[in-house]
Amino acid sequence: MQIVEHREGATTIAALEGRLDTATAAATEEKLIALLDQGGVVADMTGVRYVSSAGLRVLLKTAKQARTRNVGFSVCGLQPAVREVFEISGFDKIIPSHGSRAEALAAG
């Protein structure tokens, strides 16, 4: 999993690329939670083709940490297979999801 980050105003965009699974979950979780120290985070998942239950757990934990710190956390650019996993698991009701970075940034 590669994560490229950059700032857009008060929000950090974390562009994820690769598989979010057991092998990459721990490092991804550590990185995303560390980014919350700088404020809101949008996880751009355009480059993620697969998310396992371990990957979903990372996103859930990050969302909970964001709430605790009173900062925003959302995802954008979900590919069809990943979006399906989000919908089936109910994560689309827990974590704000947007079609693009621009939509995520506009939503705050």
Protein backbone atom coordinates (compact mmCIF):
# COMPACT_ATOMS: atom_id res chain seq x y z
CA MET A 1 0.00 0.00 0.00
CA GLN A 2 1.33 3.38 -0.99
CA ILE A 3 -0.04 6.53 0.60
CA VAL A 4 0.72 9.90 -0.94
CA GLU A 5 -0.44 12.86 1.10
CA HIS A 6 -0.89 16.54 0.43
CA ARG A 7 -2.75 19.42 2.04
CA GLU A 8 -5.82 21.15 0.62
CA GLY A 9 -6.46 24.01 3.01
CA ALA A 10 -7.14 22.53 6.45
CA THR A 11 -7.64 18.99 5.07
CA THR A 12 -5.08 16.32 4.27
CA ILE A 13 -5.75 14.22 1.19
CA ALA A 14 -4.32 10.72 1.62
CA ALA A 15 -4.24 9.00 -1.77
CA LEU A 16 -4.14 5.24 -1.18
CA GLU A 17 -2.96 2.85 -3.84
CA GLY A 18 -2.86 -0.94 -3.67
CA ARG A 19 -4.71 -3.52 -1.61
CA LEU A 20 -6.06 -2.64 1.83
CA ASP A 21 -5.82 -6.04 3.45
CA THR A 22 -4.21 -7.90 6.35
CA ALA A 23 -0.72 -7.35 4.96
CA THR A 24 -1.12 -3.56 4.67
CA ALA A 25 -3.66 -2.78 7.42
CA ALA A 26 -1.33 -1.99 10.32
CA ALA A 27 0.88 0.45 8.41
CA THR A 28 -2.14 2.10 6.77
CA GLU A 29 -3.89 2.52 10.12
CA GLU A 30 -0.80 4.04 11.68
CA LYS A 31 -0.40 6.52 8.84
CA LEU A 32 -4.07 7.58 8.65
CA ILE A 33 -4.39 8.07 12.40
CA ALA A 34 -1.15 10.07 12.48
CA LEU A 35 -2.55 12.34 9.75
CA LEU A 36 -5.54 13.15 12.00
CA ASP A 37 -3.11 15.10 14.21
CA GLN A 38 -3.00 17.70 11.41
CA GLY A 39 -6.80 17.99 11.13
CA GLY A 40 -9.38 16.50 8.78
CA VAL A 41 -8.47 13.69 6.39
CA VAL A 42 -9.96 12.53 3.10
CA ALA A 43 -8.84 9.03 2.08
CA ASP A 44 -8.82 9.04 -1.71
CA MET A 45 -9.34 5.39 -2.57
CA THR A 46 -9.33 5.74 -6.36
CA GLY A 47 -6.25 3.48 -6.49
CA VAL A 48 -7.63 0.81 -4.12
CA ARG A 49 -9.06 -2.21 -5.91
CA TYR A 50 -9.56 -4.50 -2.91
CA VAL A 51 -10.53 -4.02 0.75
CA SER A 52 -10.65 -6.93 3.20
CA SER A 53 -12.31 -6.99 6.61
CA ALA A 54 -8.97 -5.92 8.08
CA GLY A 55 -9.01 -2.93 5.74
CA LEU A 56 -12.56 -2.02 6.76
CA ARG A 57 -11.46 -2.18 10.39
CA VAL A 58 -8.68 0.35 9.62
CA LEU A 59 -11.18 2.78 8.12
CA LEU A 60 -13.62 2.31 11.01
CA LYS A 61 -10.91 2.88 13.61
CA THR A 62 -9.73 5.99 11.77
CA ALA A 63 -13.30 7.33 11.61
CA LYS A 64 -13.73 6.74 15.36
CA GLN A 65 -10.45 8.46 16.13
CA ALA A 66 -11.50 11.41 13.96
CA ARG A 67 -14.75 11.74 15.94
CA THR A 68 -12.82 11.58 19.22
CA ARG A 69 -10.49 14.35 18.00
CA ASN A 70 -13.39 16.34 16.56
CA VAL A 71 -11.95 16.39 13.03
CA GLY A 72 -13.42 15.17 9.76
CA PHE A 73 -12.74 11.86 8.05
CA SER A 74 -14.24 10.69 4.79
CA VAL A 75 -13.41 8.55 1.78
CA CYS A 76 -13.73 9.30 -1.91
CA GLY A 77 -13.22 7.60 -5.25
CA LEU A 78 -14.44 4.15 -4.25
CA GLN A 79 -14.09 1.71 -7.12
CA PRO A 80 -17.18 -0.43 -7.88
CA ALA A 81 -15.96 -3.55 -6.04
CA VAL A 82 -14.89 -1.53 -3.01
CA ARG A 83 -18.12 0.48 -3.02
CA GLU A 84 -20.06 -2.81 -3.01
CA VAL A 85 -18.14 -3.99 0.07
CA PHE A 86 -18.88 -0.64 1.75
CA GLU A 87 -22.58 -0.93 1.00
CA ILE A 88 -22.95 -4.59 1.99
CA SER A 89 -21.11 -4.00 5.28
CA GLY A 90 -23.09 -0.83 6.04
CA PHE A 91 -19.93 1.29 6.12
CA ASP A 92 -21.54 3.71 3.68
CA LYS A 93 -23.79 4.72 6.59
CA ILE A 94 -20.89 5.09 9.04
CA ILE A 95 -18.16 6.78 7.00
CA PRO A 96 -19.00 9.68 4.67
CA SER A 97 -18.25 8.71 1.06
CA HIS A 98 -17.89 11.03 -1.92
CA GLY A 99 -17.49 10.46 -5.63
CA SER A 100 -14.42 12.68 -5.99
CA ARG A 101 -11.85 14.68 -4.03
CA ALA A 102 -13.60 17.90 -5.01
CA GLU A 103 -16.91 16.64 -3.58
CA ALA A 104 -15.20 15.50 -0.38
CA LEU A 105 -13.48 18.86 0.08
CA ALA A 106 -16.68 20.77 -0.66
CA ALA A 107 -18.53 18.72 1.98
CA GLY A 108 -15.94 19.71 4.56
